Protein backbone atom coordinates (compact mmCIF):
# COMPACT_ATOMS: atom_id res chain seq x y z
CA UNK A 1 204.57 107.03 43.02
CA UNK A 2 203.50 110.58 43.79
CA UNK A 3 206.15 113.26 43.34
CA UNK A 4 206.29 116.74 44.79
CA UNK A 5 204.85 119.50 42.62
CA UNK A 6 207.44 120.86 40.20
CA UNK A 7 209.71 117.83 40.55
CA UNK A 8 209.79 115.60 37.49
CA UNK A 9 210.90 112.10 36.64
CA UNK A 10 212.76 112.57 33.38
CA UNK A 11 214.41 110.11 31.00
CA UNK A 12 217.14 111.64 28.83
CA UNK A 13 218.41 109.75 25.81
CA UNK A 14 221.73 110.67 24.22
CA UNK A 15 222.94 109.20 20.95
CA UNK A 16 226.21 108.36 19.29
CA UNK A 17 226.28 111.62 17.34
CA UNK A 18 226.33 113.56 20.63
CA UNK A 19 228.90 111.33 22.33
CA UNK A 20 231.42 111.33 19.49
CA UNK A 21 233.08 113.81 17.15
CA UNK A 22 232.83 113.61 13.36
CA UNK A 23 236.15 111.75 13.51
CA UNK A 24 234.50 108.98 15.52
CA UNK A 25 236.53 109.81 18.63
CA UNK A 26 234.82 110.45 21.98
CA UNK A 27 233.41 113.92 22.58
CA UNK A 28 234.51 114.23 26.19
CA UNK A 29 233.39 117.86 26.36
CA UNK A 30 229.78 116.93 25.58
CA UNK A 31 229.84 113.98 27.99
CA UNK A 32 231.10 116.20 30.80
CA UNK A 33 228.51 118.93 30.13
CA UNK A 34 225.71 116.37 30.01
CA UNK A 35 226.85 114.74 33.26
CA UNK A 36 227.11 118.13 34.99
CA UNK A 37 223.65 119.22 33.81
CA UNK A 38 221.96 115.96 34.82
CA UNK A 39 223.72 116.02 38.19
CA UNK A 40 222.47 119.55 38.80
CA UNK A 41 218.91 118.64 37.79
CA UNK A 42 219.03 115.71 40.22
CA UNK A 43 220.27 118.12 42.86
CA UNK A 44 217.21 120.31 42.22
CA UNK A 45 215.01 117.38 43.17
CA UNK A 46 214.25 115.86 39.78
CA UNK A 47 214.61 112.09 39.24
CA UNK A 48 216.90 111.37 36.31
CA UNK A 49 217.38 108.32 34.11
CA UNK A 50 219.99 108.44 31.33
CA UNK A 51 219.60 106.22 28.26
CA UNK A 52 222.91 106.26 26.43
CA UNK A 53 223.52 104.48 23.16
CA UNK A 54 226.87 104.56 21.42
CA UNK A 55 228.64 101.43 22.67
CA UNK A 56 229.60 100.31 19.16
CA UNK A 57 230.83 103.77 18.15
CA UNK A 58 232.82 104.18 21.36
CA UNK A 59 234.23 100.64 21.09
CA UNK A 60 235.28 101.29 17.50
CA UNK A 61 237.21 104.37 18.63
CA UNK A 62 238.63 102.63 21.72
CA UNK A 63 240.07 99.81 19.62
CA UNK A 64 241.38 102.21 16.96
CA UNK A 65 239.51 100.39 14.22
CA UNK A 66 239.48 102.14 10.84
CA UNK A 67 235.69 101.85 10.55
CA UNK A 68 232.60 100.48 12.29
CA UNK A 69 232.48 96.65 11.92
CA UNK A 70 229.96 95.17 9.52
CA UNK A 71 229.70 91.59 10.82
CA UNK A 72 227.15 91.10 13.60
CA UNK A 73 229.52 89.12 15.83
CA UNK A 74 232.21 91.79 15.49
CA UNK A 75 229.70 94.56 16.24
CA UNK A 76 228.68 92.73 19.40
CA UNK A 77 232.30 92.25 20.45
CA UNK A 78 233.08 95.93 19.88
CA UNK A 79 229.91 96.88 21.79
CA UNK A 80 231.19 94.96 24.84
CA UNK A 81 234.40 97.02 24.78
CA UNK A 82 232.54 100.26 24.17
CA UNK A 83 230.01 99.69 26.95
CA UNK A 84 232.81 99.20 29.47
CA UNK A 85 234.52 102.40 28.35
CA UNK A 86 231.26 104.36 28.35
CA UNK A 87 230.32 103.38 31.91
CA UNK A 88 233.85 104.12 33.12
CA UNK A 89 233.54 107.66 31.79
CA UNK A 90 230.03 108.22 33.16
CA UNK A 91 231.12 106.96 36.57
CA UNK A 92 234.05 109.38 36.45
CA UNK A 93 232.09 112.42 35.23
CA UNK A 94 229.06 111.95 37.50
CA UNK A 95 231.37 111.12 40.40
CA UNK A 96 232.97 114.56 40.01
CA UNK A 97 229.59 115.98 41.08
CA UNK A 98 229.08 113.47 43.90
CA UNK A 99 226.50 111.42 41.99
CA UNK A 100 226.23 107.62 41.89
CA UNK A 101 225.34 105.86 38.65
CA UNK A 102 224.14 102.32 37.94
CA UNK A 103 224.25 100.31 34.72
CA UNK A 104 221.15 98.60 33.31
CA UNK A 105 221.43 96.66 30.03
CA UNK A 106 218.21 95.55 28.35
CA UNK A 107 217.03 93.18 25.64
CA UNK A 108 213.63 93.09 23.99
CA UNK A 109 212.60 90.12 26.10
CA UNK A 110 213.27 92.10 29.28
CA UNK A 111 210.58 94.67 28.49
CA UNK A 112 208.25 92.28 26.68
CA UNK A 113 207.85 89.64 29.40
CA UNK A 114 205.50 90.86 32.18
CA UNK A 115 207.52 89.36 35.05
CA UNK A 116 210.81 90.79 33.80
CA UNK A 117 209.18 94.16 33.15
CA UNK A 118 207.85 94.22 36.71
CA UNK A 119 211.30 93.45 38.10
CA UNK A 120 212.77 96.21 35.94
CA UNK A 121 210.16 98.68 37.15
CA UNK A 122 210.97 97.80 40.76
CA UNK A 123 214.70 98.17 40.10
CA UNK A 124 214.23 101.64 38.62
CA UNK A 125 212.01 102.66 41.53
CA UNK A 126 214.58 101.46 44.08
CA UNK A 127 217.51 103.17 42.35
CA UNK A 128 215.67 106.47 42.01
CA UNK A 129 214.51 106.23 45.63
CA UNK A 130 218.18 105.87 46.62
CA UNK A 131 219.16 108.92 44.56
CA UNK A 132 221.06 106.84 42.00
CA UNK A 133 221.09 107.82 38.31
CA UNK A 134 220.49 104.70 36.17
CA UNK A 135 222.41 104.58 32.88
CA UNK A 136 220.57 102.36 30.41
CA UNK A 137 221.51 100.85 27.08
CA UNK A 138 220.42 97.93 24.96
CA UNK A 139 222.54 94.85 25.63
CA UNK A 140 224.13 94.82 22.18
CA UNK A 141 226.47 91.95 23.05
CA UNK A 142 223.42 89.71 23.53
CA UNK A 143 220.62 91.30 21.53
CA UNK A 144 220.78 92.10 17.82
CA UNK A 145 217.57 94.17 17.86
CA UNK A 146 219.25 97.54 17.36
CA UNK A 147 222.28 96.27 15.49
CA UNK A 148 220.17 94.34 12.96
CA UNK A 149 217.11 96.60 12.91
CA UNK A 150 213.73 94.95 12.92
CA UNK A 151 214.68 91.61 14.43
CA UNK A 152 212.75 92.29 17.64
CA UNK A 153 209.17 93.46 17.90
CA UNK A 154 209.91 95.58 20.98
CA UNK A 155 213.34 97.17 20.54
CA UNK A 156 214.12 97.91 16.91
CA UNK A 157 215.96 101.23 17.09
CA UNK A 158 217.68 103.56 19.52
CA UNK A 159 214.58 105.73 20.00
CA UNK A 160 212.20 102.91 20.93
CA UNK A 161 214.45 101.90 23.84
CA UNK A 162 214.16 105.18 25.78
CA UNK A 163 210.41 105.29 25.12
CA UNK A 164 210.03 101.83 26.67
CA UNK A 165 212.23 102.89 29.60
CA UNK A 166 210.08 106.00 30.11
CA UNK A 167 206.98 103.80 30.17
CA UNK A 168 208.58 101.37 32.61
CA UNK A 169 209.61 104.24 34.89
CA UNK A 170 206.34 106.14 34.66
CA UNK A 171 208.35 109.17 33.51
CA UNK A 172 206.78 112.61 33.24
CA UNK A 173 209.11 113.58 30.41
CA UNK A 174 211.36 111.91 27.84
CA UNK A 175 214.01 114.01 26.12
CA UNK A 176 215.76 112.71 23.00
CA UNK A 177 219.09 114.44 22.41
CA UNK A 178 220.39 113.89 18.89
CA UNK A 179 221.83 115.81 15.93
CA UNK A 180 218.30 116.88 14.96
CA UNK A 181 216.86 120.16 16.29
CA UNK A 182 213.32 118.81 16.16
CA UNK A 183 210.49 118.35 13.68
CA UNK A 184 210.36 120.86 10.84
CA UNK A 185 207.51 121.58 8.44
CA UNK A 186 209.98 120.88 5.60
CA UNK A 187 213.48 119.46 5.19
CA UNK A 188 215.78 122.21 6.59
CA UNK A 189 218.70 120.79 4.60
CA UNK A 190 216.85 121.60 1.37
CA UNK A 191 214.43 124.38 2.30
CA UNK A 192 215.89 127.51 3.98
CA UNK A 193 212.33 128.60 4.86
CA UNK A 194 211.66 125.44 6.91
CA UNK A 195 210.22 126.22 10.34
CA UNK A 196 210.70 124.25 13.55
CA UNK A 197 207.44 122.91 15.00
CA UNK A 198 207.54 123.48 18.78
CA UNK A 199 204.31 121.78 19.91
CA UNK A 200 202.65 118.59 18.66
CA UNK A 201 199.53 116.95 20.11
CA UNK A 202 199.36 113.86 17.88
CA UNK A 203 201.65 111.99 15.48
CA UNK A 204 199.37 112.42 12.46
CA UNK A 205 199.98 111.01 8.96
CA UNK A 206 200.76 114.57 7.86
CA UNK A 207 203.51 114.82 10.47
CA UNK A 208 204.92 111.48 9.41
CA UNK A 209 205.09 112.75 5.85
CA UNK A 210 207.36 115.54 7.09
CA UNK A 211 209.76 113.10 8.77
CA UNK A 212 212.97 112.50 6.87
CA UNK A 213 215.28 109.50 6.66
CA UNK A 214 218.17 108.44 8.86
CA UNK A 215 220.32 110.99 10.67
CA UNK A 216 224.11 111.10 10.78
CA UNK A 217 226.38 108.22 9.80
CA UNK A 218 227.42 107.76 13.44
CA UNK A 219 223.93 106.96 14.75
CA UNK A 220 220.84 105.07 13.68
CA UNK A 221 217.34 106.27 12.98
CA UNK A 222 215.79 109.59 12.00
CA UNK A 223 212.69 111.61 12.72
CA UNK A 224 210.35 108.71 11.92
CA UNK A 225 211.70 106.65 14.82
CA UNK A 226 211.30 109.68 17.08
CA UNK A 227 207.63 109.94 16.10
CA UNK A 228 207.21 106.27 17.02
CA UNK A 229 208.87 106.93 20.38
CA UNK A 230 206.63 109.94 20.92
CA UNK A 231 203.51 107.82 20.45
CA UNK A 232 204.74 105.33 23.08
CA UNK A 233 205.62 108.08 25.57
CA UNK A 234 202.41 110.03 24.99
CA UNK A 235 200.27 106.92 25.37
CA UNK A 236 201.98 106.28 28.71
CA UNK A 237 201.12 109.80 29.90
CA UNK A 238 204.44 111.57 29.43
CA UNK A 239 205.65 114.33 27.11
CA UNK A 240 208.51 113.79 24.68
CA UNK A 241 210.92 116.50 23.58
CA UNK A 242 213.32 116.08 20.69
CA UNK A 243 216.18 118.58 20.49
CA UNK A 244 219.84 118.96 19.61
CA UNK A 245 222.29 117.23 21.94
CA UNK A 246 225.00 119.80 21.20
CA UNK A 247 223.38 121.97 23.90
CA UNK A 248 222.89 119.80 27.02
CA UNK A 249 222.18 122.93 29.08
CA UNK A 250 218.90 123.30 27.17
CA UNK A 251 217.56 120.65 29.54
CA UNK A 252 217.01 123.37 32.16
CA UNK A 253 214.62 125.23 29.90
CA UNK A 254 212.96 122.04 28.67
CA UNK A 255 212.07 121.00 32.21
CA UNK A 256 210.60 124.48 32.72
CA UNK A 257 208.36 123.97 29.68
CA UNK A 258 210.14 126.36 27.32
CA UNK A 259 209.76 126.00 23.54
CA UNK A 260 213.05 124.22 22.86
CA UNK A 261 213.05 121.62 20.10
CA UNK A 262 209.76 119.85 19.42
CA UNK A 263 207.55 118.85 22.34
CA UNK A 264 205.01 116.07 21.83
CA UNK A 265 202.28 116.63 24.40
CA UNK A 266 200.62 113.77 26.23
CA UNK A 267 196.86 114.02 26.77
CA UNK A 268 196.13 115.81 30.04
CA UNK A 269 193.29 114.53 32.24
């Protein structure tokens, strides 16, 4: 679907580390700032899709559990509680800015099967046409793909999901908000001279060698999964930007093309 010049269809993914404090409790300040920023971007004419993980972390905090469950069935039960709480808060925060949100929960089969994928594409198109902001997450209470990484060939981590959503939506831009500033030429935790790489045109083996391991204890995945997501988004014709979710207002500059975080550039025709 053709969009007016300067108006983008953007998928923004936010992770557990952005939605919660180090204590595991909800970071309501970050959630409110993110909701306000996305509402304002939608008001400027952009089409916005939010991919929000964190149901297990939020459910763990909601139920006052001492730690994240380890058994799959308990993780899925806690995810059901957390997803309800998360959507309640998004509905409240976005509603403060007169925005309507919708919930979409996905499994690997939903994006793998052509007929289901077509229905999903049509649903996204209809919601965006109506000015609704879809809030997407993996259906952790049904699927174990993210909880037990590697069990599904389509959705295996929290960065693959938004890349698949961006492809389904035909997004111009995918932004991954996490506790990582972007891709560095060395590990910034060990090398004080490490420099942030602002522009990338291909996920080369050399870049993969720079990628570290998993991020914070509250989330899943690291820079390697973000490189995988970048390849999916770039192949579908959209850019991907990875930056720190502690600054949701950076989204304004990112949509203007500023050098914030690391931008993986799709091939331009």
